[in-house]
Amino acid sequence: MQVSAVNGSPRKGGNTEKMLNTVLTVCQQAGLTTELYQAGGAGSARLPGKLTR
């Protein structure tokens, strides 16, 4: 199973990203595949970048 998270916050490395990374870490420990998409911030009008954890 795969879990995807989307961060719409414009602050890269901010509290929202930290929270999402905490959740994704727990999912990984449970044996799931995870992805974090950064949709907010500079260049967000383009397709979001895919960050695979």
C-alpha atoms as a PDB file:
ATOM      1  CA  MET A   1       0.000   0.000   0.000  1.00  0.00           C
ATOM      2  CA  GLN A   2       1.162   3.536  -0.709  1.00  0.00           C
ATOM      3  CA  VAL A   3       0.490   6.669   1.331  1.00  0.00           C
ATOM      4  CA  SER A   4       0.797  10.077  -0.349  1.00  0.00           C
ATOM      5  CA  ALA A   5       0.873  13.420   1.462  1.00  0.00           C
ATOM      6  CA  VAL A   6       0.462  16.854  -0.111  1.00  0.00           C
ATOM      7  CA  ASN A   7       2.024  19.899   1.536  1.00  0.00           C
ATOM      8  CA  GLY A   8       0.298  23.065   0.347  1.00  0.00           C
ATOM      9  CA  SER A   9       2.179  25.318   2.747  1.00  0.00           C
ATOM     10  CA  PRO A  10       4.462  27.892   1.107  1.00  0.00           C
ATOM     11  CA  ARG A  11       7.035  27.411   3.924  1.00  0.00           C
ATOM     12  CA  LYS A  12       9.338  24.568   2.950  1.00  0.00           C
ATOM     13  CA  GLY A  13      10.680  22.949   6.109  1.00  0.00           C
ATOM     14  CA  GLY A  14       7.897  24.502   8.199  1.00  0.00           C
ATOM     15  CA  ASN A  15       5.586  22.923  10.755  1.00  0.00           C
ATOM     16  CA  THR A  16       3.242  21.391   8.173  1.00  0.00           C
ATOM     17  CA  GLU A  17       6.092  19.585   6.449  1.00  0.00           C
ATOM     18  CA  LYS A  18       7.462  18.381   9.796  1.00  0.00           C
ATOM     19  CA  MET A  19       4.046  17.005  10.765  1.00  0.00           C
ATOM     20  CA  LEU A  20       3.607  15.250   7.422  1.00  0.00           C
ATOM     21  CA  ASN A  21       7.091  13.729   7.683  1.00  0.00           C
ATOM     22  CA  THR A  22       6.242  12.417  11.167  1.00  0.00           C
ATOM     23  CA  VAL A  23       3.117  10.703   9.823  1.00  0.00           C
ATOM     24  CA  LEU A  24       4.994   9.315   6.819  1.00  0.00           C
ATOM     25  CA  THR A  25       7.755   7.964   9.061  1.00  0.00           C
ATOM     26  CA  VAL A  26       5.200   6.019  11.111  1.00  0.00           C
ATOM     27  CA  CYS A  27       3.680   4.691   7.867  1.00  0.00           C
ATOM     28  CA  GLN A  28       7.111   3.562   6.680  1.00  0.00           C
ATOM     29  CA  GLN A  29       7.740   1.794   9.978  1.00  0.00           C
ATOM     30  CA  ALA A  30       4.476  -0.088   9.361  1.00  0.00           C
ATOM     31  CA  GLY A  31       5.871  -1.259   6.004  1.00  0.00           C
ATOM     32  CA  LEU A  32       4.067   1.176   3.724  1.00  0.00           C
ATOM     33  CA  THR A  33       5.527   3.087   0.785  1.00  0.00           C
ATOM     34  CA  THR A  34       5.279   6.872   1.174  1.00  0.00           C
ATOM     35  CA  GLU A  35       5.523   9.999  -0.974  1.00  0.00           C
ATOM     36  CA  LEU A  36       5.492  13.681  -0.084  1.00  0.00           C
ATOM     37  CA  TYR A  37       4.382  16.219  -2.691  1.00  0.00           C
ATOM     38  CA  GLN A  38       5.352  19.867  -2.154  1.00  0.00           C
ATOM     39  CA  ALA A  39       2.557  21.858  -3.822  1.00  0.00           C
ATOM     40  CA  GLY A  40       2.991  25.234  -2.095  1.00  0.00           C
ATOM     41  CA  GLY A  41       5.743  27.794  -2.384  1.00  0.00           C
ATOM     42  CA  ALA A  42       7.701  29.190  -5.301  1.00  0.00           C
ATOM     43  CA  GLY A  43       6.734  27.675  -8.614  1.00  0.00           C
ATOM     44  CA  SER A  44       3.547  26.121  -7.222  1.00  0.00           C
ATOM     45  CA  ALA A  45       1.654  27.161 -10.348  1.00  0.00           C
ATOM     46  CA  ARG A  46       3.534  24.353 -12.100  1.00  0.00           C
ATOM     47  CA  LEU A  47       3.091  20.688 -11.379  1.00  0.00           C
ATOM     48  CA  PRO A  48       4.186  19.836  -7.838  1.00  0.00           C
ATOM     49  CA  GLY A  49       7.572  18.245  -7.352  1.00  0.00           C
ATOM     50  CA  LYS A  50       7.557  14.638  -6.219  1.00  0.00           C
ATOM     51  CA  LEU A  51       9.726  13.828  -3.226  1.00  0.00           C
ATOM     52  CA  THR A  52      10.004  10.123  -2.629  1.00  0.00           C
ATOM     53  CA  ARG A  53      10.929   9.107   0.900  1.00  0.00           C
END
